[in-house]
PDB file of all heavy atoms in Angstrom:
ATOM      1  N   VAL A   1      16.599  -7.326  -8.893  1.00  0.00           N
ATOM      2  CA  VAL A   1      15.523  -8.317  -8.900  1.00  0.00           C
ATOM      3  C   VAL A   1      15.900  -9.383  -7.884  1.00  0.00           C
ATOM      4  O   VAL A   1      16.855 -10.134  -8.085  1.00  0.00           O
ATOM      5  CB  VAL A   1      15.332  -8.939 -10.299  1.00  0.00           C
ATOM      6  CG1 VAL A   1      14.213  -9.972 -10.283  1.00  0.00           C
ATOM      7  CG2 VAL A   1      15.039  -7.854 -11.334  1.00  0.00           C
ATOM      8  N   THR A   2      15.172  -9.460  -6.783  1.00  0.00           N
ATOM      9  CA  THR A   2      15.564 -10.349  -5.694  1.00  0.00           C
ATOM     10  C   THR A   2      15.117 -11.784  -5.882  1.00  0.00           C
ATOM     11  O   THR A   2      15.740 -12.710  -5.360  1.00  0.00           O
ATOM     12  CB  THR A   2      14.986  -9.853  -4.356  1.00  0.00           C
ATOM     13  OG1 THR A   2      13.559 -10.027  -4.357  1.00  0.00           O
ATOM     14  CG2 THR A   2      15.335  -8.391  -4.120  1.00  0.00           C
ATOM     15  N   GLY A   3      14.013 -12.029  -6.611  1.00  0.00           N
ATOM     16  CA  GLY A   3      13.395 -13.339  -6.570  1.00  0.00           C
ATOM     17  C   GLY A   3      12.763 -13.568  -5.212  1.00  0.00           C
ATOM     18  O   GLY A   3      12.466 -12.613  -4.479  1.00  0.00           O
ATOM     19  N   TYR A   4      12.568 -14.829  -4.842  1.00  0.00           N
ATOM     20  CA  TYR A   4      11.936 -15.154  -3.569  1.00  0.00           C
ATOM     21  C   TYR A   4      12.799 -14.689  -2.399  1.00  0.00           C
ATOM     22  O   TYR A   4      14.032 -14.837  -2.415  1.00  0.00           O
ATOM     23  CB  TYR A   4      11.700 -16.661  -3.457  1.00  0.00           C
ATOM     24  CG  TYR A   4      11.223 -17.092  -2.079  1.00  0.00           C
ATOM     25  CD1 TYR A   4       9.890 -16.969  -1.719  1.00  0.00           C
ATOM     26  CD2 TYR A   4      12.139 -17.589  -1.143  1.00  0.00           C
ATOM     27  CE1 TYR A   4       9.461 -17.332  -0.458  1.00  0.00           C
ATOM     28  CE2 TYR A   4      11.713 -17.961   0.121  1.00  0.00           C
ATOM     29  CZ  TYR A   4      10.378 -17.833   0.462  1.00  0.00           C
ATOM     30  OH  TYR A   4       9.959 -18.188   1.712  1.00  0.00           O
ATOM     31  N   VAL A   5      12.169 -14.124  -1.380  1.00  0.00           N
ATOM     32  CA  VAL A   5      12.873 -13.753  -0.151  1.00  0.00           C
ATOM     33  C   VAL A   5      12.103 -14.312   1.039  1.00  0.00           C
ATOM     34  O   VAL A   5      10.870 -14.393   1.013  1.00  0.00           O
ATOM     35  CB  VAL A   5      13.030 -12.220  -0.004  1.00  0.00           C
ATOM     36  CG1 VAL A   5      13.917 -11.667  -1.095  1.00  0.00           C
ATOM     37  CG2 VAL A   5      11.675 -11.520   0.000  1.00  0.00           C
ATOM     38  N   ASP A   6      12.825 -14.713   2.069  1.00  0.00           N
ATOM     39  CA  ASP A   6      12.178 -15.242   3.275  1.00  0.00           C
ATOM     40  C   ASP A   6      11.436 -14.150   4.027  1.00  0.00           C
ATOM     41  O   ASP A   6      10.420 -14.414   4.680  1.00  0.00           O
ATOM     42  CB  ASP A   6      13.213 -15.881   4.202  1.00  0.00           C
ATOM     43  CG  ASP A   6      13.737 -17.203   3.653  1.00  0.00           C
ATOM     44  OD1 ASP A   6      12.942 -17.956   3.068  1.00  0.00           O
ATOM     45  OD2 ASP A   6      14.951 -17.461   3.807  1.00  0.00           O
ATOM     46  N   ASP A   7      11.957 -12.930   3.959  1.00  0.00           N
ATOM     47  CA  ASP A   7      11.386 -11.822   4.729  1.00  0.00           C
ATOM     48  C   ASP A   7      11.409 -10.567   3.860  1.00  0.00           C
ATOM     49  O   ASP A   7      12.478 -10.075   3.493  1.00  0.00           O
ATOM     50  CB  ASP A   7      12.191 -11.603   6.007  1.00  0.00           C
ATOM     51  CG  ASP A   7      11.525 -10.613   6.959  1.00  0.00           C
ATOM     52  OD1 ASP A   7      10.547  -9.951   6.548  1.00  0.00           O
ATOM     53  OD2 ASP A   7      11.993 -10.488   8.104  1.00  0.00           O
ATOM     54  N   ILE A   8      10.230 -10.069   3.521  1.00  0.00           N
ATOM     55  CA  ILE A   8      10.136  -8.900   2.642  1.00  0.00           C
ATOM     56  C   ILE A   8      10.380  -7.594   3.396  1.00  0.00           C
ATOM     57  O   ILE A   8      10.707  -6.565   2.796  1.00  0.00           O
ATOM     58  CB  ILE A   8       8.748  -8.868   1.953  1.00  0.00           C
ATOM     59  CG1 ILE A   8       8.749  -7.869   0.791  1.00  0.00           C
ATOM     60  CG2 ILE A   8       7.656  -8.543   2.949  1.00  0.00           C
ATOM     61  CD1 ILE A   8       7.458  -7.840   0.032  1.00  0.00           C
ATOM     62  N   ARG A   9      10.279  -7.624   4.708  1.00  0.00           N
ATOM     63  CA  ARG A   9      10.306  -6.388   5.479  1.00  0.00           C
ATOM     64  C   ARG A   9      11.580  -5.558   5.317  1.00  0.00           C
ATOM     65  O   ARG A   9      11.484  -4.327   5.176  1.00  0.00           O
ATOM     66  CB  ARG A   9      10.045  -6.695   6.957  1.00  0.00           C
ATOM     67  CG  ARG A   9       8.626  -7.179   7.237  1.00  0.00           C
ATOM     68  CD  ARG A   9       8.474  -7.614   8.683  1.00  0.00           C
ATOM     69  NE  ARG A   9       9.369  -8.731   8.986  1.00  0.00           N
ATOM     70  CZ  ARG A   9       9.546  -9.225  10.203  1.00  0.00           C
ATOM     71  NH1 ARG A   9       8.896  -8.690  11.239  1.00  0.00           N
ATOM     72  NH2 ARG A   9      10.364 -10.241  10.406  1.00  0.00           N
ATOM     73  N   PRO A  10      12.778  -6.147   5.323  1.00  0.00           N
ATOM     74  CA  PRO A  10      13.976  -5.315   5.141  1.00  0.00           C
ATOM     75  C   PRO A  10      13.990  -4.557   3.817  1.00  0.00           C
ATOM     76  O   PRO A  10      14.493  -3.432   3.749  1.00  0.00           O
ATOM     77  CB  PRO A  10      15.125  -6.323   5.212  1.00  0.00           C
ATOM     78  CG  PRO A  10      14.590  -7.454   6.013  1.00  0.00           C
ATOM     79  CD  PRO A  10      13.140  -7.552   5.633  1.00  0.00           C
ATOM     80  N   HIS A  11      13.411  -5.152   2.774  1.00  0.00           N
ATOM     81  CA  HIS A  11      13.378  -4.490   1.468  1.00  0.00           C
ATOM     82  C   HIS A  11      12.410  -3.305   1.479  1.00  0.00           C
ATOM     83  O   HIS A  11      12.661  -2.284   0.834  1.00  0.00           O
ATOM     84  CB  HIS A  11      12.986  -5.498   0.382  1.00  0.00           C
ATOM     85  CG  HIS A  11      13.959  -6.616   0.241  1.00  0.00           C
ATOM     86  ND1 HIS A  11      15.154  -6.484  -0.428  1.00  0.00           N
ATOM     87  CD2 HIS A  11      13.926  -7.894   0.706  1.00  0.00           C
ATOM     88  CE1 HIS A  11      15.810  -7.635  -0.390  1.00  0.00           C
ATOM     89  NE2 HIS A  11      15.078  -8.500   0.294  1.00  0.00           N
ATOM     90  N   LEU A  12      11.309  -3.450   2.207  1.00  0.00           N
ATOM     91  CA  LEU A  12      10.380  -2.336   2.342  1.00  0.00           C
ATOM     92  C   LEU A  12      10.962  -1.256   3.253  1.00  0.00           C
ATOM     93  O   LEU A  12      10.922  -0.066   2.935  1.00  0.00           O
ATOM     94  CB  LEU A  12       9.046  -2.828   2.903  1.00  0.00           C
ATOM     95  CG  LEU A  12       8.221  -3.770   2.017  1.00  0.00           C
ATOM     96  CD1 LEU A  12       7.004  -4.276   2.777  1.00  0.00           C
ATOM     97  CD2 LEU A  12       7.789  -3.082   0.737  1.00  0.00           C
ATOM     98  N   ALA A  13      11.519  -1.684   4.378  1.00  0.00           N
ATOM     99  CA  ALA A  13      12.009  -0.728   5.373  1.00  0.00           C
ATOM    100  C   ALA A  13      13.158   0.125   4.859  1.00  0.00           C
ATOM    101  O   ALA A  13      13.330   1.274   5.289  1.00  0.00           O
ATOM    102  CB  ALA A  13      12.439  -1.471   6.639  1.00  0.00           C
ATOM    103  N   SER A  14      13.962  -0.410   3.940  1.00  0.00           N
ATOM    104  CA  SER A  14      15.115   0.333   3.432  1.00  0.00           C
ATOM    105  C   SER A  14      14.778   1.190   2.220  1.00  0.00           C
ATOM    106  O   SER A  14      15.649   1.863   1.674  1.00  0.00           O
ATOM    107  CB  SER A  14      16.241  -0.638   3.059  1.00  0.00           C
ATOM    108  OG  SER A  14      15.831  -1.506   2.013  1.00  0.00           O
ATOM    109  N   SER A  15      13.515   1.179   1.794  1.00  0.00           N
ATOM    110  CA  SER A  15      13.086   1.975   0.645  1.00  0.00           C
ATOM    111  C   SER A  15      12.381   3.243   1.106  1.00  0.00           C
ATOM    112  O   SER A  15      11.935   3.340   2.253  1.00  0.00           O
ATOM    113  CB  SER A  15      12.153   1.150  -0.249  1.00  0.00           C
ATOM    114  OG  SER A  15      12.805  -0.025  -0.725  1.00  0.00           O
ATOM    115  N   SER A  16      12.256   4.193   0.203  1.00  0.00           N
ATOM    116  CA  SER A  16      11.595   5.458   0.529  1.00  0.00           C
ATOM    117  C   SER A  16      10.191   5.559  -0.039  1.00  0.00           C
ATOM    118  O   SER A  16       9.355   6.269   0.494  1.00  0.00           O
ATOM    119  CB  SER A  16      12.436   6.635   0.011  1.00  0.00           C
ATOM    120  OG  SER A  16      13.665   6.710   0.710  1.00  0.00           O
ATOM    121  N   VAL A  17       9.943   4.839  -1.142  1.00  0.00           N
ATOM    122  CA  VAL A  17       8.641   4.899  -1.815  1.00  0.00           C
ATOM    123  C   VAL A  17       8.289   3.502  -2.308  1.00  0.00           C
ATOM    124  O   VAL A  17       9.162   2.776  -2.806  1.00  0.00           O
ATOM    125  CB  VAL A  17       8.654   5.871  -3.012  1.00  0.00           C
ATOM    126  CG1 VAL A  17       7.262   5.959  -3.638  1.00  0.00           C
ATOM    127  CG2 VAL A  17       9.158   7.245  -2.612  1.00  0.00           C
ATOM    128  N   ALA A  18       7.029   3.117  -2.182  1.00  0.00           N
ATOM    129  CA  ALA A  18       6.528   1.882  -2.779  1.00  0.00           C
ATOM    130  C   ALA A  18       5.630   2.246  -3.955  1.00  0.00           C
ATOM    131  O   ALA A  18       4.824   3.176  -3.850  1.00  0.00           O
ATOM    132  CB  ALA A  18       5.759   1.058  -1.760  1.00  0.00           C
ATOM    133  N   VAL A  19       5.787   1.528  -5.065  1.00  0.00           N
ATOM    134  CA  VAL A  19       4.931   1.760  -6.226  1.00  0.00           C
ATOM    135  C   VAL A  19       4.135   0.490  -6.510  1.00  0.00           C
ATOM    136  O   VAL A  19       4.602  -0.621  -6.273  1.00  0.00           O
ATOM    137  CB  VAL A  19       5.741   2.169  -7.478  1.00  0.00           C
ATOM    138  CG1 VAL A  19       6.364   3.536  -7.291  1.00  0.00           C
ATOM    139  CG2 VAL A  19       6.812   1.134  -7.818  1.00  0.00           C
ATOM    140  N   VAL A  20       2.909   0.674  -7.001  1.00  0.00           N
ATOM    141  CA  VAL A  20       2.050  -0.454  -7.382  1.00  0.00           C
ATOM    142  C   VAL A  20       1.384  -0.089  -8.709  1.00  0.00           C
ATOM    143  O   VAL A  20       0.191   0.216  -8.766  1.00  0.00           O
ATOM    144  CB  VAL A  20       0.993  -0.759  -6.301  1.00  0.00           C
ATOM    145  CG1 VAL A  20       0.232  -2.045  -6.656  1.00  0.00           C
ATOM    146  CG2 VAL A  20       1.634  -0.895  -4.929  1.00  0.00           C
ATOM    147  N   PRO A  21       2.165  -0.113  -9.805  1.00  0.00           N
ATOM    148  CA  PRO A  21       1.644   0.363 -11.096  1.00  0.00           C
ATOM    149  C   PRO A  21       0.913  -0.719 -11.888  1.00  0.00           C
ATOM    150  O   PRO A  21       1.146  -0.889 -13.089  1.00  0.00           O
ATOM    151  CB  PRO A  21       2.924   0.805 -11.806  1.00  0.00           C
ATOM    152  CG  PRO A  21       3.974  -0.129 -11.291  1.00  0.00           C
ATOM    153  CD  PRO A  21       3.588  -0.463  -9.868  1.00  0.00           C
ATOM    154  N   MET A  22       0.013  -1.454 -11.239  1.00  0.00           N
ATOM    155  CA  MET A  22      -0.657  -2.574 -11.889  1.00  0.00           C
ATOM    156  C   MET A  22      -1.803  -2.089 -12.764  1.00  0.00           C
ATOM    157  O   MET A  22      -2.682  -1.367 -12.316  1.00  0.00           O
ATOM    158  CB  MET A  22      -1.165  -3.556 -10.838  1.00  0.00           C
ATOM    159  CG  MET A  22      -0.055  -4.165  -9.994  1.00  0.00           C
ATOM    160  SD  MET A  22      -0.692  -5.290  -8.728  1.00  0.00           S
ATOM    161  CE  MET A  22      -1.290  -6.637  -9.771  1.00  0.00           C
ATOM    162  N   ARG A  23      -1.787  -2.510 -14.012  1.00  0.00           N
ATOM    163  CA  ARG A  23      -2.854  -2.143 -14.938  1.00  0.00           C
ATOM    164  C   ARG A  23      -4.059  -3.055 -14.766  1.00  0.00           C
ATOM    165  O   ARG A  23      -5.176  -2.715 -15.155  1.00  0.00           O
ATOM    166  CB  ARG A  23      -2.395  -2.209 -16.400  1.00  0.00           C
ATOM    167  CG  ARG A  23      -0.984  -1.730 -16.713  1.00  0.00           C
ATOM    168  CD  ARG A  23      -0.482  -0.576 -15.879  1.00  0.00           C
ATOM    169  NE  ARG A  23      -0.992   0.728 -16.305  1.00  0.00           N
ATOM    170  CZ  ARG A  23      -0.749   1.848 -15.666  1.00  0.00           C
ATOM    171  NH1 ARG A  23      -0.015   1.852 -14.573  1.00  0.00           N
ATOM    172  NH2 ARG A  23      -1.250   2.983 -16.115  1.00  0.00           N
ATOM    173  N   ILE A  24      -3.838  -4.252 -14.202  1.00  0.00           N
ATOM    174  CA  ILE A  24      -4.924  -5.202 -13.928  1.00  0.00           C
ATOM    175  C   ILE A  24      -4.913  -5.469 -12.433  1.00  0.00           C
ATOM    176  O   ILE A  24      -3.923  -5.963 -11.893  1.00  0.00           O
ATOM    177  CB  ILE A  24      -4.733  -6.528 -14.684  1.00  0.00           C
ATOM    178  CG1 ILE A  24      -4.678  -6.287 -16.196  1.00  0.00           C
ATOM    179  CG2 ILE A  24      -5.838  -7.515 -14.346  1.00  0.00           C
ATOM    180  CD1 ILE A  24      -4.298  -7.519 -16.985  1.00  0.00           C
ATOM    181  N   ALA A  25      -5.993  -5.114 -11.735  1.00  0.00           N
ATOM    182  CA  ALA A  25      -6.029  -5.325 -10.289  1.00  0.00           C
ATOM    183  C   ALA A  25      -7.472  -5.358  -9.819  1.00  0.00           C
ATOM    184  O   ALA A  25      -8.288  -4.546 -10.248  1.00  0.00           O
ATOM    185  CB  ALA A  25      -5.265  -4.214  -9.562  1.00  0.00           C
ATOM    186  N   VAL A  26      -7.765  -6.308  -8.947  1.00  0.00           N
ATOM    187  CA  VAL A  26      -9.097  -6.395  -8.344  1.00  0.00           C
ATOM    188  C   VAL A  26      -8.928  -6.572  -6.841  1.00  0.00           C
ATOM    189  O   VAL A  26      -7.893  -7.029  -6.355  1.00  0.00           O
ATOM    190  CB  VAL A  26      -9.921  -7.568  -8.925  1.00  0.00           C
ATOM    191  CG1 VAL A  26     -10.274  -7.319 -10.375  1.00  0.00           C
ATOM    192  CG2 VAL A  26      -9.168  -8.892  -8.781  1.00  0.00           C
ATOM    193  N   GLY A  27      -9.954  -6.205  -6.090  1.00  0.00           N
ATOM    194  CA  GLY A  27      -9.911  -6.386  -4.652  1.00  0.00           C
ATOM    195  C   GLY A  27      -8.860  -5.512  -3.981  1.00  0.00           C
ATOM    196  O   GLY A  27      -8.362  -4.544  -4.547  1.00  0.00           O
ATOM    197  N   ILE A  28      -8.539  -5.862  -2.748  1.00  0.00           N
ATOM    198  CA  ILE A  28      -7.529  -5.135  -1.985  1.00  0.00           C
ATOM    199  C   ILE A  28      -6.161  -5.746  -2.252  1.00  0.00           C
ATOM    200  O   ILE A  28      -5.965  -6.959  -2.079  1.00  0.00           O
ATOM    201  CB  ILE A  28      -7.839  -5.169  -0.477  1.00  0.00           C
ATOM    202  CG1 ILE A  28      -9.068  -4.306  -0.176  1.00  0.00           C
ATOM    203  CG2 ILE A  28      -6.654  -4.668   0.339  1.00  0.00           C
ATOM    204  CD1 ILE A  28      -9.414  -4.206   1.289  1.00  0.00           C
ATOM    205  N   GLN A  29      -5.221  -4.925  -2.666  1.00  0.00           N
ATOM    206  CA  GLN A  29      -3.868  -5.385  -2.925  1.00  0.00           C
ATOM    207  C   GLN A  29      -3.103  -5.469  -1.609  1.00  0.00           C
ATOM    208  O   GLN A  29      -2.841  -4.460  -0.956  1.00  0.00           O
ATOM    209  CB  GLN A  29      -3.170  -4.432  -3.891  1.00  0.00           C
ATOM    210  CG  GLN A  29      -3.807  -4.364  -5.274  1.00  0.00           C
ATOM    211  CD  GLN A  29      -3.715  -5.695  -6.002  1.00  0.00           C
ATOM    212  OE1 GLN A  29      -2.656  -6.306  -6.083  1.00  0.00           O
ATOM    213  NE2 GLN A  29      -4.841  -6.148  -6.531  1.00  0.00           N
ATOM    214  N   ASN A  30      -2.713  -6.691  -1.223  1.00  0.00           N
ATOM    215  CA  ASN A  30      -1.979  -6.856   0.028  1.00  0.00           C
ATOM    216  C   ASN A  30      -0.643  -6.116   0.007  1.00  0.00           C
ATOM    217  O   ASN A  30      -0.170  -5.654   1.052  1.00  0.00           O
ATOM    218  CB  ASN A  30      -1.741  -8.341   0.304  1.00  0.00           C
ATOM    219  CG  ASN A  30      -2.997  -9.052   0.748  1.00  0.00           C
ATOM    220  OD1 ASN A  30      -3.989  -8.418   1.089  1.00  0.00           O
ATOM    221  ND2 ASN A  30      -2.979 -10.363   0.735  1.00  0.00           N
ATOM    222  N   LYS A  31      -0.041  -5.995  -1.164  1.00  0.00           N
ATOM    223  CA  LYS A  31       1.241  -5.286  -1.254  1.00  0.00           C
ATOM    224  C   LYS A  31       1.089  -3.818  -0.852  1.00  0.00           C
ATOM    225  O   LYS A  31       2.012  -3.229  -0.294  1.00  0.00           O
ATOM    226  CB  LYS A  31       1.815  -5.410  -2.669  1.00  0.00           C
ATOM    227  CG  LYS A  31       0.888  -4.927  -3.780  1.00  0.00           C
ATOM    228  CD  LYS A  31       1.559  -5.012  -5.136  1.00  0.00           C
ATOM    229  CE  LYS A  31       1.800  -6.414  -5.586  1.00  0.00           C
ATOM    230  NZ  LYS A  31       0.560  -7.154  -5.885  1.00  0.00           N
ATOM    231  N   VAL A  32      -0.093  -3.239  -1.122  1.00  0.00           N
ATOM    232  CA  VAL A  32      -0.348  -1.863  -0.695  1.00  0.00           C
ATOM    233  C   VAL A  32      -0.476  -1.803   0.824  1.00  0.00           C
ATOM    234  O   VAL A  32       0.117  -0.934   1.487  1.00  0.00           O
ATOM    235  CB  VAL A  32      -1.622  -1.310  -1.367  1.00  0.00           C
ATOM    236  CG1 VAL A  32      -1.958   0.075  -0.820  1.00  0.00           C
ATOM    237  CG2 VAL A  32      -1.449  -1.249  -2.877  1.00  0.00           C
ATOM    238  N   LEU A  33      -1.232  -2.744   1.400  1.00  0.00           N
ATOM    239  CA  LEU A  33      -1.407  -2.777   2.847  1.00  0.00           C
ATOM    240  C   LEU A  33      -0.077  -2.973   3.572  1.00  0.00           C
ATOM    241  O   LEU A  33       0.198  -2.322   4.587  1.00  0.00           O
ATOM    242  CB  LEU A  33      -2.361  -3.915   3.230  1.00  0.00           C
ATOM    243  CG  LEU A  33      -3.845  -3.722   2.927  1.00  0.00           C
ATOM    244  CD1 LEU A  33      -4.618  -4.977   3.304  1.00  0.00           C
ATOM    245  CD2 LEU A  33      -4.401  -2.524   3.669  1.00  0.00           C
ATOM    246  N   GLU A  34       0.761  -3.868   3.056  1.00  0.00           N
ATOM    247  CA  GLU A  34       2.038  -4.152   3.712  1.00  0.00           C
ATOM    248  C   GLU A  34       2.954  -2.934   3.695  1.00  0.00           C
ATOM    249  O   GLU A  34       3.596  -2.610   4.705  1.00  0.00           O
ATOM    250  CB  GLU A  34       2.711  -5.350   3.040  1.00  0.00           C
ATOM    251  CG  GLU A  34       1.981  -6.663   3.291  1.00  0.00           C
ATOM    252  CD  GLU A  34       2.422  -7.798   2.394  1.00  0.00           C
ATOM    253  OE1 GLU A  34       3.286  -7.572   1.522  1.00  0.00           O
ATOM    254  OE2 GLU A  34       1.890  -8.912   2.543  1.00  0.00           O
ATOM    255  N   ALA A  35       3.013  -2.251   2.546  1.00  0.00           N
ATOM    256  CA  ALA A  35       3.854  -1.056   2.456  1.00  0.00           C
ATOM    257  C   ALA A  35       3.329   0.045   3.371  1.00  0.00           C
ATOM    258  O   ALA A  35       4.102   0.729   4.058  1.00  0.00           O
ATOM    259  CB  ALA A  35       3.922  -0.568   1.009  1.00  0.00           C
ATOM    260  N   MET A  36       2.005   0.229   3.410  1.00  0.00           N
ATOM    261  CA  MET A  36       1.414   1.228   4.296  1.00  0.00           C
ATOM    262  C   MET A  36       1.717   0.910   5.759  1.00  0.00           C
ATOM    263  O   MET A  36       2.050   1.797   6.547  1.00  0.00           O
ATOM    264  CB  MET A  36      -0.093   1.309   4.077  1.00  0.00           C
ATOM    265  CG  MET A  36      -0.508   1.914   2.740  1.00  0.00           C
ATOM    266  SD  MET A  36      -2.295   1.746   2.435  1.00  0.00           S
ATOM    267  CE  MET A  36      -2.977   2.816   3.726  1.00  0.00           C
ATOM    268  N   ALA A  37       1.592  -0.372   6.121  1.00  0.00           N
ATOM    269  CA  ALA A  37       1.849  -0.770   7.497  1.00  0.00           C
ATOM    270  C   ALA A  37       3.301  -0.520   7.895  1.00  0.00           C
ATOM    271  O   ALA A  37       3.599  -0.267   9.070  1.00  0.00           O
ATOM    272  CB  ALA A  37       1.505  -2.243   7.688  1.00  0.00           C
ATOM    273  N   MET A  38       4.217  -0.562   6.908  1.00  0.00           N
ATOM    274  CA  MET A  38       5.629  -0.296   7.168  1.00  0.00           C
ATOM    275  C   MET A  38       5.944   1.195   7.190  1.00  0.00           C
ATOM    276  O   MET A  38       7.095   1.590   7.389  1.00  0.00           O
ATOM    277  CB  MET A  38       6.490  -0.982   6.107  1.00  0.00           C
ATOM    278  CG  MET A  38       6.405  -2.502   6.087  1.00  0.00           C
ATOM    279  SD  MET A  38       7.265  -3.313   7.437  1.00  0.00           S
ATOM    280  CE  MET A  38       8.959  -2.954   7.057  1.00  0.00           C
ATOM    281  N   GLY A  39       4.923   2.027   6.965  1.00  0.00           N
ATOM    282  CA  GLY A  39       5.120   3.473   6.999  1.00  0.00           C
ATOM    283  C   GLY A  39       5.645   4.069   5.719  1.00  0.00           C
ATOM    284  O   GLY A  39       6.160   5.192   5.715  1.00  0.00           O
ATOM    285  N   LEU A  40       5.483   3.342   4.602  1.00  0.00           N
ATOM    286  CA  LEU A  40       5.941   3.856   3.310  1.00  0.00           C
ATOM    287  C   LEU A  40       4.809   4.576   2.586  1.00  0.00           C
ATOM    288  O   LEU A  40       3.669   4.097   2.591  1.00  0.00           O
ATOM    289  CB  LEU A  40       6.422   2.711   2.407  1.00  0.00           C
ATOM    290  CG  LEU A  40       7.810   2.132   2.632  1.00  0.00           C
ATOM    291  CD1 LEU A  40       8.040   0.973   1.679  1.00  0.00           C
ATOM    292  CD2 LEU A  40       8.875   3.183   2.424  1.00  0.00           C
ATOM    293  N   PRO A  41       5.093   5.709   1.941  1.00  0.00           N
ATOM    294  CA  PRO A  41       4.094   6.280   1.039  1.00  0.00           C
ATOM    295  C   PRO A  41       3.968   5.372  -0.185  1.00  0.00           C
ATOM    296  O   PRO A  41       4.963   4.810  -0.652  1.00  0.00           O
ATOM    297  CB  PRO A  41       4.696   7.637   0.661  1.00  0.00           C
ATOM    298  CG  PRO A  41       6.164   7.468   0.845  1.00  0.00           C
ATOM    299  CD  PRO A  41       6.336   6.490   1.966  1.00  0.00           C
ATOM    300  N   VAL A  42       2.749   5.199  -0.678  1.00  0.00           N
ATOM    301  CA  VAL A  42       2.496   4.265  -1.773  1.00  0.00           C
ATOM    302  C   VAL A  42       1.932   5.025  -2.965  1.00  0.00           C
ATOM    303  O   VAL A  42       0.983   5.819  -2.818  1.00  0.00           O
ATOM    304  CB  VAL A  42       1.513   3.154  -1.347  1.00  0.00           C
ATOM    305  CG1 VAL A  42       1.359   2.129  -2.465  1.00  0.00           C
ATOM    306  CG2 VAL A  42       1.987   2.472  -0.070  1.00  0.00           C
ATOM    307  N   VAL A  43       2.501   4.752  -4.141  1.00  0.00           N
ATOM    308  CA  VAL A  43       2.023   5.365  -5.388  1.00  0.00           C
ATOM    309  C   VAL A  43       1.468   4.255  -6.276  1.00  0.00           C
ATOM    310  O   VAL A  43       2.211   3.597  -7.000  1.00  0.00           O
ATOM    311  CB  VAL A  43       3.150   6.132  -6.113  1.00  0.00           C
ATOM    312  CG1 VAL A  43       2.611   6.782  -7.392  1.00  0.00           C
ATOM    313  CG2 VAL A  43       3.772   7.185  -5.197  1.00  0.00           C
ATOM    314  N   PRO A  44       0.153   3.986  -6.208  1.00  0.00           N
ATOM    315  CA  PRO A  44      -0.466   2.973  -7.057  1.00  0.00           C
ATOM    316  C   PRO A  44      -1.189   3.630  -8.237  1.00  0.00           C
ATOM    317  O   PRO A  44      -1.452   4.839  -8.231  1.00  0.00           O
ATOM    318  CB  PRO A  44      -1.466   2.317  -6.116  1.00  0.00           C
ATOM    319  CG  PRO A  44      -1.924   3.466  -5.251  1.00  0.00           C
ATOM    320  CD  PRO A  44      -0.781   4.466  -5.176  1.00  0.00           C
ATOM    321  N   CYS A  45      -1.524   2.820  -9.227  1.00  0.00           N
ATOM    322  CA  CYS A  45      -2.424   3.302 -10.269  1.00  0.00           C
ATOM    323  C   CYS A  45      -3.857   3.152  -9.761  1.00  0.00           C
ATOM    324  O   CYS A  45      -4.104   2.541  -8.717  1.00  0.00           O
ATOM    325  CB  CYS A  45      -2.210   2.536 -11.573  1.00  0.00           C
ATOM    326  SG  CYS A  45      -2.653   0.799 -11.459  1.00  0.00           S
ATOM    327  N   GLY A  46      -4.793   3.709 -10.502  1.00  0.00           N
ATOM    328  CA  GLY A  46      -6.168   3.752 -10.032  1.00  0.00           C
ATOM    329  C   GLY A  46      -6.782   2.391  -9.788  1.00  0.00           C
ATOM    330  O   GLY A  46      -7.509   2.200  -8.805  1.00  0.00           O
TER     331      GLY A  46
END
Protein backbone atom coordinates (compact mmCIF):
# COMPACT_ATOMS: atom_id res chain seq x y z
CA VAL A 1 0.00 0.00 0.00
CA THR A 2 1.88 3.06 -1.23
CA GLY A 3 -0.34 5.92 -0.10
CA TYR A 4 0.19 9.16 -2.01
CA VAL A 5 2.86 9.09 -4.73
CA ASP A 6 4.25 11.99 -6.74
CA ASP A 7 4.35 9.90 -9.91
CA ILE A 8 2.09 6.91 -10.51
CA ARG A 9 3.78 5.87 -13.75
CA PRO A 10 6.59 3.70 -12.30
CA HIS A 11 4.01 1.65 -10.39
CA LEU A 12 1.99 1.07 -13.55
CA ALA A 13 5.01 0.45 -15.76
CA SER A 14 6.46 -2.20 -13.44
CA SER A 15 3.18 -4.15 -13.25
CA SER A 16 1.81 -6.74 -15.67
CA VAL A 17 -1.94 -6.33 -15.11
CA ALA A 18 -4.17 -3.50 -13.89
CA VAL A 19 -7.43 -4.33 -12.12
CA VAL A 20 -10.41 -2.03 -11.54
CA PRO A 21 -12.86 -4.15 -9.50
CA MET A 22 -15.15 -1.26 -8.52
CA ARG A 23 -18.69 -2.22 -7.61
CA ILE A 24 -19.77 1.45 -7.75
CA ALA A 25 -18.62 3.40 -10.82
CA VAL A 26 -20.04 6.05 -13.12
CA GLY A 27 -18.62 7.82 -16.15
CA ILE A 28 -15.18 7.12 -17.56
CA GLN A 29 -12.68 5.84 -15.01
CA ASN A 30 -9.43 7.75 -15.47
CA LYS A 31 -7.52 4.89 -13.82
CA VAL A 32 -8.59 2.67 -16.73
CA LEU A 33 -7.44 5.24 -19.30
CA GLU A 34 -4.08 5.73 -17.57
CA ALA A 35 -3.36 2.00 -17.39
CA MET A 36 -4.38 1.54 -21.04
CA ALA A 37 -2.17 4.45 -22.10
CA MET A 38 0.75 2.76 -20.30
CA GLY A 39 0.16 -0.39 -22.36
CA LEU A 40 -1.25 -2.49 -19.53
CA PRO A 41 -4.10 -4.95 -20.03
CA VAL A 42 -6.97 -3.90 -17.75
CA VAL A 43 -9.42 -6.20 -15.96
CA PRO A 44 -12.37 -4.08 -14.72
CA CYS A 45 -15.81 -5.09 -13.53
CA GLY A 46 -18.77 -4.24 -15.72
